[in-house]
Protein backbone atom coordinates (compact mmCIF):
# COMPACT_ATOMS: atom_id res chain seq x y z
CA MET A 1 -12.92 13.14 -20.23
CA ALA A 2 -14.71 9.79 -20.58
CA MET A 3 -14.34 6.96 -18.09
CA GLY A 4 -11.37 4.78 -18.99
CA SER A 5 -9.78 7.44 -21.23
CA LEU A 6 -6.75 7.66 -18.93
CA LYS A 7 -4.22 4.91 -18.51
CA ILE A 8 -3.74 5.24 -14.75
CA SER A 9 -5.53 6.59 -11.69
CA VAL A 10 -3.31 6.98 -8.62
CA VAL A 11 -5.30 6.65 -5.38
CA ILE A 12 -3.98 8.17 -2.14
CA PRO A 13 -6.03 8.09 1.08
CA THR A 14 -4.97 10.58 3.76
CA PHE A 15 -5.73 11.28 7.40
CA ASN A 16 -4.03 13.94 9.53
CA LYS A 17 -0.86 13.93 7.42
CA GLY A 18 -1.28 17.02 5.27
CA ALA A 19 2.36 18.01 5.76
CA TYR A 20 3.55 14.64 4.47
CA LEU A 21 1.12 14.78 1.56
CA LYS A 22 2.45 18.19 0.56
CA SER A 23 6.00 16.84 0.63
CA ILE A 24 5.31 13.82 -1.62
CA LEU A 25 3.08 15.33 -4.33
CA PRO A 26 6.02 16.99 -6.16
CA SER A 27 7.43 13.52 -6.88
CA PHE A 28 4.54 12.95 -9.30
CA CYS A 29 5.81 15.92 -11.32
CA GLN A 30 9.08 14.05 -11.93
CA LEU A 31 7.58 10.92 -13.45
CA ASN A 32 8.67 9.77 -16.89
CA PHE A 33 4.99 9.04 -17.64
CA ASP A 34 2.87 11.32 -19.83
CA ASP A 35 1.07 13.88 -17.63
CA GLN A 36 -1.99 13.57 -19.87
CA GLU A 37 -2.30 9.83 -19.26
CA PHE A 38 -2.64 9.66 -15.49
CA GLU A 39 -4.48 11.35 -12.65
CA VAL A 40 -3.94 11.56 -8.90
CA ILE A 41 -6.94 11.25 -6.59
CA VAL A 42 -6.49 12.17 -2.92
CA CYS A 43 -9.27 11.25 -0.51
CA ASN A 44 -9.17 13.02 2.85
CA ASP A 45 -10.74 10.68 5.40
CA GLY A 46 -12.18 13.31 7.71
CA SER A 47 -9.02 15.27 8.59
CA LEU A 48 -9.87 18.78 9.78
CA SER A 49 -6.26 19.92 10.08
CA GLU A 50 -5.27 23.23 8.51
CA ASP A 51 -2.29 21.38 7.01
CA TYR A 52 -4.50 20.64 3.99
CA GLU A 53 -5.12 24.28 3.08
CA PHE A 54 -2.29 24.09 0.52
CA ILE A 55 -4.49 21.83 -1.64
CA HIS A 56 -6.50 24.82 -2.88
CA ASP A 57 -3.40 26.55 -4.26
CA LEU A 58 -1.90 23.57 -6.06
CA GLU A 59 -0.83 23.93 -9.66
CA LEU A 60 0.04 20.52 -11.07
CA PRO A 61 0.74 19.40 -14.66
CA PHE A 62 -1.49 16.32 -14.33
CA SER A 63 -5.16 15.87 -13.46
CA PHE A 64 -5.72 16.14 -9.70
CA THR A 65 -8.88 15.43 -7.71
CA TYR A 66 -9.35 16.11 -4.02
CA ILE A 67 -12.19 14.43 -2.12
CA PHE A 68 -13.21 15.20 1.46
CA VAL A 69 -15.14 12.53 3.37
CA PRO A 70 -16.84 13.83 6.56
CA ASN A 71 -15.94 11.82 9.66
CA ASN A 72 -13.06 9.40 9.87
CA ARG A 73 -14.47 6.24 8.27
CA GLY A 74 -11.26 4.35 7.57
CA SER A 75 -8.86 3.92 4.67
CA ALA A 76 -11.05 1.25 3.03
CA THR A 77 -13.89 3.78 2.70
CA ALA A 78 -11.51 6.50 1.50
CA ARG A 79 -10.08 4.26 -1.22
CA ASN A 80 -13.56 3.18 -2.33
CA PHE A 81 -14.63 6.83 -2.69
CA ALA A 82 -11.56 7.46 -4.84
CA ILE A 83 -12.12 4.34 -6.96
CA LYS A 84 -15.63 5.58 -7.82
CA LYS A 85 -14.06 8.79 -9.18
CA ALA A 86 -11.26 7.00 -11.05
CA ARG A 87 -11.09 7.35 -14.84
CA GLY A 88 -8.00 5.25 -15.47
CA ASN A 89 -7.96 1.71 -16.81
CA LEU A 90 -5.45 0.87 -14.08
CA VAL A 91 -5.62 1.90 -10.41
CA VAL A 92 -2.31 2.33 -8.58
CA PHE A 93 -2.38 2.61 -4.80
CA THR A 94 0.23 4.46 -2.77
CA ASP A 95 0.25 6.45 0.50
CA ASP A 96 0.25 10.07 1.65
CA ASP A 97 3.76 9.72 3.14
CA THR A 98 5.42 8.03 0.17
CA TRP A 99 7.55 9.48 -2.62
CA VAL A 100 7.36 7.75 -5.99
CA ASP A 101 10.35 6.88 -8.16
CA PRO A 102 10.42 8.54 -11.63
CA GLN A 103 9.70 5.15 -13.22
CA PHE A 104 6.99 4.19 -10.74
CA LEU A 105 3.98 4.40 -13.06
CA THR A 106 5.89 3.28 -16.15
CA LYS A 107 6.96 0.04 -14.49
CA HIS A 108 3.47 -0.69 -13.13
CA TRP A 109 1.97 -0.06 -16.57
CA GLN A 110 4.54 -2.24 -18.36
CA LEU A 111 3.94 -5.20 -16.06
CA HIS A 112 0.20 -5.00 -16.66
CA GLN A 113 0.82 -5.13 -20.41
CA GLN A 114 2.92 -8.25 -19.84
CA TYR A 115 0.62 -10.00 -17.36
CA SER A 116 -3.07 -9.60 -18.12
CA ASP A 117 -5.52 -9.35 -15.19
CA CYS A 118 -2.68 -9.61 -12.69
CA ILE A 119 -2.32 -7.75 -9.39
CA ILE A 120 1.10 -6.08 -9.26
CA MET A 121 2.89 -5.56 -5.96
CA GLY A 122 5.75 -3.08 -6.04
CA LYS A 123 8.73 -2.53 -3.79
CA ARG A 124 8.79 0.08 -1.05
CA LYS A 125 11.95 1.39 0.58
CA GLN A 126 12.14 3.22 3.89
CA VAL A 127 13.43 6.77 4.33
CA TYR A 128 14.39 7.99 7.80
CA LEU A 129 14.49 11.66 8.78
CA SER A 130 16.12 13.30 11.77
CA ASP A 131 13.93 14.80 14.50
CA HIS A 132 14.82 18.27 13.19
CA GLU A 133 13.86 17.33 9.63
CA ARG A 134 10.55 15.88 10.82
CA SER A 135 9.87 19.14 12.66
CA LEU A 136 10.52 21.12 9.48
CA LEU A 137 8.28 18.82 7.48
CA ASN A 138 5.46 19.13 10.02
CA GLU A 139 5.77 22.91 9.73
CA LEU A 140 5.22 22.51 5.96
CA LYS A 141 8.86 23.47 5.35
CA ASN A 142 9.74 20.60 3.04
CA SER A 143 12.12 22.26 0.58
CA PHE A 144 15.00 20.18 1.95
CA LEU A 145 13.43 17.07 0.41
CA SER A 146 14.34 16.15 -3.17
CA LEU A 147 14.63 12.96 -5.18
CA PRO A 148 18.44 12.71 -4.70
CA VAL A 149 18.02 13.15 -0.94
CA ILE A 150 15.25 10.57 -0.82
CA GLN A 151 17.25 8.05 -2.86
CA GLU A 152 20.38 8.60 -0.79
CA ARG A 153 18.49 8.03 2.47
CA ALA A 154 16.48 5.04 1.23
CA SER A 155 17.07 1.64 2.80
CA GLU A 156 15.51 -1.78 2.34
CA ASP A 157 12.31 -2.66 4.15
CA ILE A 158 13.80 -5.93 5.38
CA TYR A 159 10.56 -7.56 6.48
CA ALA A 160 8.58 -6.70 3.34
CA SER A 161 11.42 -7.58 0.95
CA ALA A 162 12.13 -10.92 2.64
CA THR A 163 8.45 -11.82 2.68
CA LYS A 164 8.00 -11.11 -1.04
CA GLU A 165 11.20 -12.94 -1.98
CA ILE A 166 10.09 -16.03 -0.07
CA ILE A 167 6.44 -15.97 -1.13
CA PHE A 168 7.23 -15.40 -4.82
CA LYS A 169 9.80 -18.20 -5.02
CA ASP A 170 7.05 -20.57 -6.08
CA GLN A 171 4.07 -20.20 -8.41
CA LYS A 172 1.76 -21.96 -5.94
CA SER A 173 2.55 -19.95 -2.82
CA SER A 174 0.02 -17.73 -1.06
CA HIS A 175 0.98 -14.58 -2.94
CA TRP A 176 -1.92 -12.64 -1.44
CA LEU A 177 0.01 -12.63 1.85
CA ALA A 178 2.41 -10.00 0.46
CA ALA A 179 -0.29 -7.57 -0.74
CA ALA A 180 -0.14 -4.04 0.65
CA THR A 181 -1.78 -0.91 -0.74
CA GLY A 182 1.35 1.13 -0.07
CA ASN A 183 2.46 -0.01 -3.52
CA LEU A 184 -0.05 -2.08 -5.49
CA SER A 185 -1.87 -1.84 -8.82
CA ILE A 186 -4.94 -3.51 -10.27
CA LYS A 187 -7.33 -3.00 -13.18
CA ARG A 188 -10.20 -0.70 -12.27
CA THR A 189 -12.78 -3.09 -13.73
CA ILE A 190 -11.58 -5.89 -11.42
CA LEU A 191 -11.94 -3.62 -8.39
CA GLU A 192 -15.45 -2.64 -9.45
CA GLU A 193 -16.49 -6.24 -10.12
CA GLN A 194 -15.21 -7.39 -6.73
CA GLY A 195 -16.85 -4.55 -4.82
CA GLY A 196 -13.64 -2.78 -3.79
CA PHE A 197 -12.47 -2.83 -0.18
CA ASP A 198 -14.54 -4.16 2.72
CA GLU A 199 -15.41 -1.06 4.76
CA THR A 200 -16.08 -3.01 7.94
CA PHE A 201 -12.32 -3.02 8.55
CA GLN A 202 -11.60 -0.05 10.80
CA GLY A 203 -8.34 1.42 12.01
CA TRP A 204 -5.02 0.02 10.87
CA GLY A 205 -4.58 -2.92 8.55
CA PHE A 206 -6.16 -5.85 6.75
CA GLU A 207 -8.48 -4.20 4.22
CA ASP A 208 -5.77 -4.79 1.59
CA LEU A 209 -5.03 -8.39 2.64
CA ASP A 210 -8.75 -9.12 2.65
CA LEU A 211 -9.15 -7.84 -0.92
CA ALA A 212 -6.08 -9.78 -2.06
CA TYR A 213 -7.33 -12.98 -0.43
CA ARG A 214 -10.74 -12.64 -2.09
CA LEU A 215 -9.07 -12.06 -5.46
CA SER A 216 -6.81 -15.09 -5.00
CA LYS A 217 -9.84 -17.29 -4.37
CA LYS A 218 -11.35 -16.01 -7.61
CA GLY A 219 -8.26 -17.20 -9.48
CA PHE A 220 -6.48 -13.88 -10.03
CA ARG A 221 -2.70 -13.97 -10.20
CA PHE A 222 -0.18 -11.81 -8.36
CA CYS A 223 3.17 -10.53 -9.57
CA TYR A 224 6.04 -8.89 -7.68
CA GLY A 225 7.65 -5.97 -9.50
CA PRO A 226 10.72 -4.74 -7.56
CA ASP A 227 11.27 -2.00 -10.19
CA CYS A 228 7.89 -0.49 -9.26
CA LEU A 229 9.60 1.49 -6.57
CA ASN A 230 8.46 4.06 -4.03
CA TYR A 231 9.92 5.50 -0.83
CA HIS A 232 8.06 5.57 2.47
CA ILE A 233 9.01 8.44 4.81
CA GLU A 234 9.07 6.92 8.27
CA HIS A 235 7.17 8.72 11.02
CA LYS A 236 6.08 8.15 14.58
CA ARG A 237 3.15 5.81 15.03
CA LYS A 238 0.71 5.05 17.81
CA LYS A 239 1.91 1.47 18.04
CA ARG A 240 -0.35 0.37 20.89
CA GLN A 241 -3.39 1.45 18.89
CA MET A 242 -1.97 -0.21 15.77
CA VAL A 243 -1.65 -3.51 17.61
CA VAL A 244 -5.21 -3.28 18.94
CA ASP A 245 -6.55 -2.44 15.45
CA MET A 246 -4.61 -5.25 13.83
CA LYS A 247 -5.75 -7.85 16.38
CA ASN A 248 -9.38 -6.79 15.85
CA ASN A 249 -9.04 -6.77 12.07
CA LEU A 250 -7.24 -10.11 12.09
CA GLU A 251 -10.19 -11.70 13.86
CA LEU A 252 -12.62 -9.99 11.47
CA PHE A 253 -10.64 -11.31 8.51
CA LEU A 254 -10.55 -14.86 9.88
CA ASN A 255 -14.22 -14.88 10.90
CA LYS A 256 -15.53 -13.70 7.53
CA ASN A 257 -13.67 -16.38 5.59
CA GLU A 258 -13.85 -20.16 5.63
CA ASN A 259 -11.64 -21.68 8.35
CA THR A 260 -9.10 -23.37 6.08
CA ARG A 261 -5.72 -24.82 7.00
CA GLU A 262 -4.13 -21.96 5.05
CA LEU A 263 -5.83 -19.32 7.23
CA GLN A 264 -5.06 -21.21 10.45
CA LEU A 265 -1.39 -21.13 9.50
CA PHE A 266 -1.67 -17.50 8.47
CA ARG A 267 -2.95 -16.62 11.96
CA ASP A 268 -0.03 -18.50 13.53
CA PHE A 269 2.38 -16.59 11.31
CA PHE A 270 0.79 -13.23 11.99
CA ILE A 271 0.87 -13.56 15.78
CA GLY A 272 4.47 -14.76 15.69
CA ARG A 273 4.08 -18.48 16.43
CA ILE A 274 5.64 -19.55 13.14
CA CYS A 275 7.88 -17.80 10.62
CA ILE A 276 7.08 -17.12 6.98
CA ASN A 277 9.20 -20.11 5.91
CA GLU A 278 7.09 -22.49 7.99
CA PHE A 279 3.87 -20.96 6.69
CA ASP A 280 5.01 -21.33 3.09
CA ARG A 281 6.37 -24.86 3.58
CA GLU A 282 3.20 -26.04 5.30
CA THR A 283 0.87 -24.53 2.70
CA TYR A 284 2.47 -25.11 -0.67
CA CYS A 285 6.20 -25.45 -1.21
CA GLU A 286 9.52 -26.40 0.31
CA ILE A 287 11.85 -23.48 1.03
CA GLY A 288 15.61 -23.97 0.99
CA LYS A 289 17.75 -23.55 4.10
CA GLU A 290 19.46 -20.50 2.60
CA VAL A 291 16.37 -18.35 3.24
CA PRO A 292 16.47 -16.59 6.65
CA LYS A 293 13.55 -17.00 9.02
CA THR A 294 11.20 -14.02 8.87
CA PHE A 295 8.57 -13.32 11.50
CA PHE A 296 5.86 -10.70 11.33
CA PRO A 297 7.64 -8.08 13.46
CA LEU A 298 4.90 -6.12 15.24
CA PHE A 299 3.26 -8.99 17.09
CA LYS A 300 6.54 -10.81 17.71
CA ARG A 301 8.02 -7.78 19.46
CA THR A 302 4.94 -6.92 21.50
CA ARG A 303 4.18 -10.54 22.42
CA LEU A 304 0.49 -10.09 21.80
CA ASN A 305 0.25 -13.64 20.53
CA GLY A 306 -2.87 -14.82 22.34
């Protein structure tokens, strides 16, 4: 099939979460989008776990590509490998622990027909499992999961939803701030022209914000599509390592870009010195008193606000 002959390429990086990946792939079989018009590309970023053995026995109704990258080189590298293999006009990013709603691709595609050359950010809800259910899932026993169960368990991601609602209240706000590859879509040609993700970002975070910031400075627009819905299955994280990675990547992000007032305020927001309302008010627009204050939660809780 020729490059660009598909409408959508779904890109999913994965690392040491084969059990979660196995549990979410069936959701792509329930989409109300033509199986012949999209593909799913999974890029394994150096995971050697036997949890991925199921990949070789998959029988899926849509085109599926599995890429293995030796050594753990980071999600930016994994996504770039997948982008090079992509045949779709549109690239939709999601994660290896995230179910997609039946209308997920349809809604992303429709918004791109409405807003040309726009980056679409979708909405992601959180799904919490019991310890017993997580144990079953990790043992590759995921038959208890289904779309009705996922939808019943789903709850709002309060931080992400509040951030998007505040940031998208005004046309001039720093929309790039809300970008996250857990639910985001962009034309493949734009990704190729901009060089994809910066692979110097290692560990957790910031490769998506960096791409979004670069695109915003090139004049690209962003749009929030709350109907582009997916469901993130919560899991235990190595939070200390996450904080270390994010502090390092924050400094990398700030150092590689011009030291503007906008980025100074962004740093203050990210380390918990100011809330999103103050950031938005100081950069572009006045936010009404009815909007609750929203701090970036990870740094605020851990007090790593150097």
